[in-house]
Amino acid sequence: MNKKKKIKFTLHAEDKLKRLMRIGVTKEKILEIIEKPEKVVNGYSGRRIAPGLLGEDLILRYMKKERGKLW
């Protein structure tokens, strides 16, 4: 059984989402990028970063944690 994982936004992410919504970016688009990243790249200190295109000149970059570990 493939159980969908709960996505929790930090306060910083919620604030950013409010600003993005003012320019037409939907929460559904953000969730789509999070759930199905096009690629995952290495960041600083062993972090894994998943970028996603929000618009012609706007990129979402996020880090995710699962059970206390970076993925």
PDB file of N, CA and C in Angstrom:
ATOM      1  N   MET A   1       0.845  -1.181   0.000  1.00  0.00           N
ATOM      2  CA  MET A   1       0.000   0.000   0.000  1.00  0.00           C
ATOM      3  C   MET A   1       0.888   1.241   0.000  1.00  0.00           C
ATOM      4  N   ASN A   2       0.694   2.136  -0.950  1.00  0.00           N
ATOM      5  CA  ASN A   2       1.494   3.350  -1.068  1.00  0.00           C
ATOM      6  C   ASN A   2       0.792   4.481  -0.329  1.00  0.00           C
ATOM      7  N   LYS A   3       1.270   4.786   0.889  1.00  0.00           N
ATOM      8  CA  LYS A   3       0.647   5.803   1.719  1.00  0.00           C
ATOM      9  C   LYS A   3       1.242   7.170   1.416  1.00  0.00           C
ATOM     10  N   LYS A   4       0.389   8.160   1.165  1.00  0.00           N
ATOM     11  CA  LYS A   4       0.848   9.517   0.880  1.00  0.00           C
ATOM     12  C   LYS A   4       1.353  10.156   2.175  1.00  0.00           C
ATOM     13  N   LYS A   5       2.534  10.769   2.106  1.00  0.00           N
ATOM     14  CA  LYS A   5       3.129  11.378   3.289  1.00  0.00           C
ATOM     15  C   LYS A   5       2.567  12.766   3.515  1.00  0.00           C
ATOM     16  N   LYS A   6       2.418  13.121   4.782  1.00  0.00           N
ATOM     17  CA  LYS A   6       1.912  14.435   5.158  1.00  0.00           C
ATOM     18  C   LYS A   6       3.005  15.472   4.936  1.00  0.00           C
ATOM     19  N   ILE A   7       2.640  16.580   4.333  1.00  0.00           N
ATOM     20  CA  ILE A   7       3.578  17.671   4.104  1.00  0.00           C
ATOM     21  C   ILE A   7       3.234  18.793   5.065  1.00  0.00           C
ATOM     22  N   LYS A   8       4.231  19.200   5.847  1.00  0.00           N
ATOM     23  CA  LYS A   8       4.044  20.273   6.823  1.00  0.00           C
ATOM     24  C   LYS A   8       4.923  21.445   6.420  1.00  0.00           C
ATOM     25  N   PHE A   9       4.325  22.620   6.272  1.00  0.00           N
ATOM     26  CA  PHE A   9       5.062  23.828   5.929  1.00  0.00           C
ATOM     27  C   PHE A   9       5.542  24.523   7.202  1.00  0.00           C
ATOM     28  N   THR A  10       6.790  24.977   7.192  1.00  0.00           N
ATOM     29  CA  THR A  10       7.290  25.768   8.322  1.00  0.00           C
ATOM     30  C   THR A  10       6.635  27.148   8.280  1.00  0.00           C
ATOM     31  N   LEU A  11       6.791  27.917   9.350  1.00  0.00           N
ATOM     32  CA  LEU A  11       6.239  29.274   9.363  1.00  0.00           C
ATOM     33  C   LEU A  11       6.859  30.122   8.248  1.00  0.00           C
ATOM     34  N   HIS A  12       8.155  29.942   8.033  1.00  0.00           N
ATOM     35  CA  HIS A  12       8.840  30.664   6.958  1.00  0.00           C
ATOM     36  C   HIS A  12       8.226  30.305   5.603  1.00  0.00           C
ATOM     37  N   ALA A  13       7.970  29.023   5.377  1.00  0.00           N
ATOM     38  CA  ALA A  13       7.390  28.571   4.114  1.00  0.00           C
ATOM     39  C   ALA A  13       5.966  29.103   3.935  1.00  0.00           C
ATOM     40  N   GLU A  14       5.185  29.126   5.006  1.00  0.00           N
ATOM     41  CA  GLU A  14       3.816  29.653   4.937  1.00  0.00           C
ATOM     42  C   GLU A  14       3.832  31.132   4.558  1.00  0.00           C
ATOM     43  N   ASP A  15       4.768  31.892   5.141  1.00  0.00           N
ATOM     44  CA  ASP A  15       4.904  33.314   4.824  1.00  0.00           C
ATOM     45  C   ASP A  15       5.279  33.499   3.357  1.00  0.00           C
ATOM     46  N   LYS A  16       6.226  32.704   2.889  1.00  0.00           N
ATOM     47  CA  LYS A  16       6.652  32.772   1.490  1.00  0.00           C
ATOM     48  C   LYS A  16       5.501  32.407   0.562  1.00  0.00           C
ATOM     49  N   LEU A  17       4.726  31.393   0.923  1.00  0.00           N
ATOM     50  CA  LEU A  17       3.586  30.976   0.113  1.00  0.00           C
ATOM     51  C   LEU A  17       2.579  32.110  -0.047  1.00  0.00           C
ATOM     52  N   LYS A  18       2.324  32.860   1.031  1.00  0.00           N
ATOM     53  CA  LYS A  18       1.398  33.991   0.957  1.00  0.00           C
ATOM     54  C   LYS A  18       1.886  35.011  -0.069  1.00  0.00           C
ATOM     55  N   ARG A  19       3.191  35.282  -0.067  1.00  0.00           N
ATOM     56  CA  ARG A  19       3.746  36.242  -1.023  1.00  0.00           C
ATOM     57  C   ARG A  19       3.683  35.699  -2.446  1.00  0.00           C
ATOM     58  N   LEU A  20       3.943  34.404  -2.618  1.00  0.00           N
ATOM     59  CA  LEU A  20       3.877  33.798  -3.952  1.00  0.00           C
ATOM     60  C   LEU A  20       2.454  33.785  -4.507  1.00  0.00           C
ATOM     61  N   MET A  21       1.477  33.597  -3.629  1.00  0.00           N
ATOM     62  CA  MET A  21       0.087  33.575  -4.067  1.00  0.00           C
ATOM     63  C   MET A  21      -0.324  34.928  -4.639  1.00  0.00           C
ATOM     64  N   ARG A  22       0.281  36.000  -4.150  1.00  0.00           N
ATOM     65  CA  ARG A  22      -0.026  37.338  -4.669  1.00  0.00           C
ATOM     66  C   ARG A  22       0.402  37.500  -6.124  1.00  0.00           C
ATOM     67  N   ILE A  23       1.360  36.681  -6.557  1.00  0.00           N
ATOM     68  CA  ILE A  23       1.802  36.767  -7.953  1.00  0.00           C
ATOM     69  C   ILE A  23       1.301  35.582  -8.785  1.00  0.00           C
ATOM     70  N   GLY A  24       0.331  34.847  -8.231  1.00  0.00           N
ATOM     71  CA  GLY A  24      -0.335  33.817  -9.010  1.00  0.00           C
ATOM     72  C   GLY A  24       0.155  32.388  -8.828  1.00  0.00           C
ATOM     73  N   VAL A  25       1.071  32.147  -7.909  1.00  0.00           N
ATOM     74  CA  VAL A  25       1.542  30.781  -7.657  1.00  0.00           C
ATOM     75  C   VAL A  25       0.591  30.121  -6.656  1.00  0.00           C
ATOM     76  N   THR A  26       0.083  28.948  -6.997  1.00  0.00           N
ATOM     77  CA  THR A  26      -0.879  28.266  -6.127  1.00  0.00           C
ATOM     78  C   THR A  26      -0.191  27.276  -5.191  1.00  0.00           C
ATOM     79  N   LYS A  27      -0.858  26.968  -4.099  1.00  0.00           N
ATOM     80  CA  LYS A  27      -0.346  25.963  -3.165  1.00  0.00           C
ATOM     81  C   LYS A  27      -0.294  24.605  -3.860  1.00  0.00           C
ATOM     82  N   GLU A  28      -1.233  24.347  -4.756  1.00  0.00           N
ATOM     83  CA  GLU A  28      -1.250  23.091  -5.497  1.00  0.00           C
ATOM     84  C   GLU A  28       0.013  22.932  -6.340  1.00  0.00           C
ATOM     85  N   LYS A  29       0.477  24.026  -6.959  1.00  0.00           N
ATOM     86  CA  LYS A  29       1.707  23.992  -7.762  1.00  0.00           C
ATOM     87  C   LYS A  29       2.906  23.683  -6.867  1.00  0.00           C
ATOM     88  N   ILE A  30       2.953  24.299  -5.699  1.00  0.00           N
ATOM     89  CA  ILE A  30       4.043  24.053  -4.743  1.00  0.00           C
ATOM     90  C   ILE A  30       4.043  22.580  -4.342  1.00  0.00           C
ATOM     91  N   LEU A  31       2.879  22.048  -4.001  1.00  0.00           N
ATOM     92  CA  LEU A  31       2.774  20.642  -3.588  1.00  0.00           C
ATOM     93  C   LEU A  31       3.160  19.698  -4.719  1.00  0.00           C
ATOM     94  N   GLU A  32       2.795  20.040  -5.940  1.00  0.00           N
ATOM     95  CA  GLU A  32       3.165  19.222  -7.105  1.00  0.00           C
ATOM     96  C   GLU A  32       4.691  19.130  -7.237  1.00  0.00           C
ATOM     97  N   ILE A  33       5.364  20.250  -7.066  1.00  0.00           N
ATOM     98  CA  ILE A  33       6.830  20.266  -7.155  1.00  0.00           C
ATOM     99  C   ILE A  33       7.448  19.461  -6.020  1.00  0.00           C
ATOM    100  N   ILE A  34       6.889  19.581  -4.827  1.00  0.00           N
ATOM    101  CA  ILE A  34       7.418  18.860  -3.658  1.00  0.00           C
ATOM    102  C   ILE A  34       7.218  17.351  -3.818  1.00  0.00           C
ATOM    103  N   GLU A  35       6.040  16.948  -4.272  1.00  0.00           N
ATOM    104  CA  GLU A  35       5.720  15.521  -4.373  1.00  0.00           C
ATOM    105  C   GLU A  35       6.424  14.829  -5.530  1.00  0.00           C
ATOM    106  N   LYS A  36       6.710  15.564  -6.607  1.00  0.00           N
ATOM    107  CA  LYS A  36       7.351  14.964  -7.778  1.00  0.00           C
ATOM    108  C   LYS A  36       8.480  15.865  -8.288  1.00  0.00           C
ATOM    109  N   PRO A  37       9.590  15.927  -7.544  1.00  0.00           N
ATOM    110  CA  PRO A  37      10.692  16.791  -7.981  1.00  0.00           C
ATOM    111  C   PRO A  37      11.307  16.303  -9.291  1.00  0.00           C
ATOM    112  N   GLU A  38      11.682  17.251 -10.148  1.00  0.00           N
ATOM    113  CA  GLU A  38      12.326  16.900 -11.416  1.00  0.00           C
ATOM    114  C   GLU A  38      13.738  16.381 -11.190  1.00  0.00           C
ATOM    115  N   LYS A  39      14.405  16.940 -10.186  1.00  0.00           N
ATOM    116  CA  LYS A  39      15.756  16.485  -9.850  1.00  0.00           C
ATOM    117  C   LYS A  39      16.051  16.854  -8.412  1.00  0.00           C
ATOM    118  N   VAL A  40      17.077  16.238  -7.856  1.00  0.00           N
ATOM    119  CA  VAL A  40      17.547  16.528  -6.503  1.00  0.00           C
ATOM    120  C   VAL A  40      19.053  16.744  -6.605  1.00  0.00           C
ATOM    121  N   VAL A  41      19.539  17.850  -6.032  1.00  0.00           N
ATOM    122  CA  VAL A  41      20.954  18.187  -6.126  1.00  0.00           C
ATOM    123  C   VAL A  41      21.568  18.293  -4.732  1.00  0.00           C
ATOM    124  N   ASN A  42      22.899  18.173  -4.664  1.00  0.00           N
ATOM    125  CA  ASN A  42      23.601  18.306  -3.403  1.00  0.00           C
ATOM    126  C   ASN A  42      23.724  19.761  -3.005  1.00  0.00           C
ATOM    127  N   GLY A  43      23.541  20.033  -1.721  1.00  0.00           N
ATOM    128  CA  GLY A  43      23.713  21.371  -1.172  1.00  0.00           C
ATOM    129  C   GLY A  43      24.833  21.363  -0.151  1.00  0.00           C
ATOM    130  N   TYR A  44      24.943  22.411   0.625  1.00  0.00           N
ATOM    131  CA  TYR A  44      25.961  22.511   1.659  1.00  0.00           C
ATOM    132  C   TYR A  44      25.676  21.576   2.822  1.00  0.00           C
ATOM    133  N   SER A  45      26.713  21.132   3.484  1.00  0.00           N
ATOM    134  CA  SER A  45      26.617  20.303   4.696  1.00  0.00           C
ATOM    135  C   SER A  45      25.784  19.046   4.500  1.00  0.00           C
ATOM    136  N   GLY A  46      25.879  18.440   3.331  1.00  0.00           N
ATOM    137  CA  GLY A  46      25.167  17.199   3.082  1.00  0.00           C
ATOM    138  C   GLY A  46      23.685  17.358   2.800  1.00  0.00           C
ATOM    139  N   ARG A  47      23.216  18.587   2.687  1.00  0.00           N
ATOM    140  CA  ARG A  47      21.795  18.805   2.407  1.00  0.00           C
ATOM    141  C   ARG A  47      21.463  18.381   0.981  1.00  0.00           C
ATOM    142  N   ARG A  48      20.221  17.974   0.768  1.00  0.00           N
ATOM    143  CA  ARG A  48      19.712  17.625  -0.563  1.00  0.00           C
ATOM    144  C   ARG A  48      18.651  18.668  -0.908  1.00  0.00           C
ATOM    145  N   ILE A  49      18.792  19.304  -2.046  1.00  0.00           N
ATOM    146  CA  ILE A  49      17.908  20.379  -2.473  1.00  0.00           C
ATOM    147  C   ILE A  49      17.154  19.944  -3.728  1.00  0.00           C
ATOM    148  N   ALA A  50      15.857  20.213  -3.747  1.00  0.00           N
ATOM    149  CA  ALA A  50      15.039  19.889  -4.921  1.00  0.00           C
ATOM    150  C   ALA A  50      14.469  21.184  -5.495  1.00  0.00           C
ATOM    151  N   PRO A  51      14.991  21.634  -6.635  1.00  0.00           N
ATOM    152  CA  PRO A  51      14.446  22.834  -7.256  1.00  0.00           C
ATOM    153  C   PRO A  51      13.277  22.495  -8.181  1.00  0.00           C
ATOM    154  N   GLY A  52      12.394  23.461  -8.360  1.00  0.00           N
ATOM    155  CA  GLY A  52      11.274  23.286  -9.280  1.00  0.00           C
ATOM    156  C   GLY A  52      10.891  24.619  -9.892  1.00  0.00           C
ATOM    157  N   LEU A  53      10.515  24.621 -11.128  1.00  0.00           N
ATOM    158  CA  LEU A  53      10.182  25.837 -11.855  1.00  0.00           C
ATOM    159  C   LEU A  53       8.761  26.293 -11.519  1.00  0.00           C
ATOM    160  N   LEU A  54       8.643  27.536 -11.022  1.00  0.00           N
ATOM    161  CA  LEU A  54       7.339  28.119 -10.701  1.00  0.00           C
ATOM    162  C   LEU A  54       6.829  29.027 -11.818  1.00  0.00           C
ATOM    163  N   GLY A  55       7.736  29.545 -12.588  1.00  0.00           N
ATOM    164  CA  GLY A  55       7.393  30.449 -13.676  1.00  0.00           C
ATOM    165  C   GLY A  55       8.594  30.604 -14.581  1.00  0.00           C
ATOM    166  N   GLU A  56       8.468  31.498 -15.528  1.00  0.00           N
ATOM    167  CA  GLU A  56       9.540  31.688 -16.492  1.00  0.00           C
ATOM    168  C   GLU A  56      10.862  32.090 -15.844  1.00  0.00           C
ATOM    169  N   ASP A  57      10.778  32.887 -14.782  1.00  0.00           N
ATOM    170  CA  ASP A  57      11.992  33.366 -14.126  1.00  0.00           C
ATOM    171  C   ASP A  57      11.953  33.178 -12.605  1.00  0.00           C
ATOM    172  N   LEU A  58      11.222  32.164 -12.137  1.00  0.00           N
ATOM    173  CA  LEU A  58      11.067  31.933 -10.704  1.00  0.00           C
ATOM    174  C   LEU A  58      11.234  30.454 -10.389  1.00  0.00           C
ATOM    175  N   ILE A  59      12.159  30.161  -9.482  1.00  0.00           N
ATOM    176  CA  ILE A  59      12.457  28.774  -9.106  1.00  0.00           C
ATOM    177  C   ILE A  59      12.188  28.573  -7.620  1.00  0.00           C
ATOM    178  N   LEU A  60      11.502  27.500  -7.292  1.00  0.00           N
ATOM    179  CA  LEU A  60      11.316  27.088  -5.905  1.00  0.00           C
ATOM    180  C   LEU A  60      12.448  26.140  -5.566  1.00  0.00           C
ATOM    181  N   ARG A  61      13.126  26.389  -4.444  1.00  0.00           N
ATOM    182  CA  ARG A  61      14.157  25.463  -3.947  1.00  0.00           C
ATOM    183  C   ARG A  61      13.760  25.084  -2.539  1.00  0.00           C
ATOM    184  N   TYR A  62      13.699  23.801  -2.270  1.00  0.00           N
ATOM    185  CA  TYR A  62      13.298  23.388  -0.928  1.00  0.00           C
ATOM    186  C   TYR A  62      14.134  22.208  -0.461  1.00  0.00           C
ATOM    187  N   MET A  63      14.153  22.068   0.858  1.00  0.00           N
ATOM    188  CA  MET A  63      14.815  20.958   1.526  1.00  0.00           C
ATOM    189  C   MET A  63      13.731  20.186   2.258  1.00  0.00           C
ATOM    190  N   LYS A  64      13.848  18.892   2.314  1.00  0.00           N
ATOM    191  CA  LYS A  64      12.837  18.156   3.069  1.00  0.00           C
ATOM    192  C   LYS A  64      13.497  17.266   4.103  1.00  0.00           C
ATOM    193  N   LYS A  65      12.774  17.046   5.197  1.00  0.00           N
ATOM    194  CA  LYS A  65      13.226  16.163   6.268  1.00  0.00           C
ATOM    195  C   LYS A  65      12.195  15.073   6.441  1.00  0.00           C
ATOM    196  N   GLU A  66      12.669  13.866   6.650  1.00  0.00           N
ATOM    197  CA  GLU A  66      11.780  12.752   6.965  1.00  0.00           C
ATOM    198  C   GLU A  66      12.257  12.124   8.259  1.00  0.00           C
ATOM    199  N   ARG A  67      11.383  12.105   9.231  1.00  0.00           N
ATOM    200  CA  ARG A  67      11.685  11.514  10.530  1.00  0.00           C
ATOM    201  C   ARG A  67      13.028  12.006  11.076  1.00  0.00           C
ATOM    202  N   GLY A  68      13.210  13.309  11.017  1.00  0.00           N
ATOM    203  CA  GLY A  68      14.382  13.914  11.608  1.00  0.00           C
ATOM    204  C   GLY A  68      15.645  13.854  10.759  1.00  0.00           C
ATOM    205  N   LYS A  69      15.575  13.257   9.578  1.00  0.00           N
ATOM    206  CA  LYS A  69      16.756  13.130   8.711  1.00  0.00           C
ATOM    207  C   LYS A  69      16.505  13.856   7.405  1.00  0.00           C
ATOM    208  N   LEU A  70      17.530  14.469   6.870  1.00  0.00           N
ATOM    209  CA  LEU A  70      17.422  15.048   5.532  1.00  0.00           C
ATOM    210  C   LEU A  70      17.397  13.903   4.550  1.00  0.00           C
ATOM    211  N   TRP A  71      16.587  14.004   3.515  1.00  0.00           N
ATOM    212  CA  TRP A  71      16.482  12.879   2.560  1.00  0.00           C
ATOM    213  C   TRP A  71      17.530  12.861   1.540  1.00  0.00           C
TER     214      TRP A  71
END
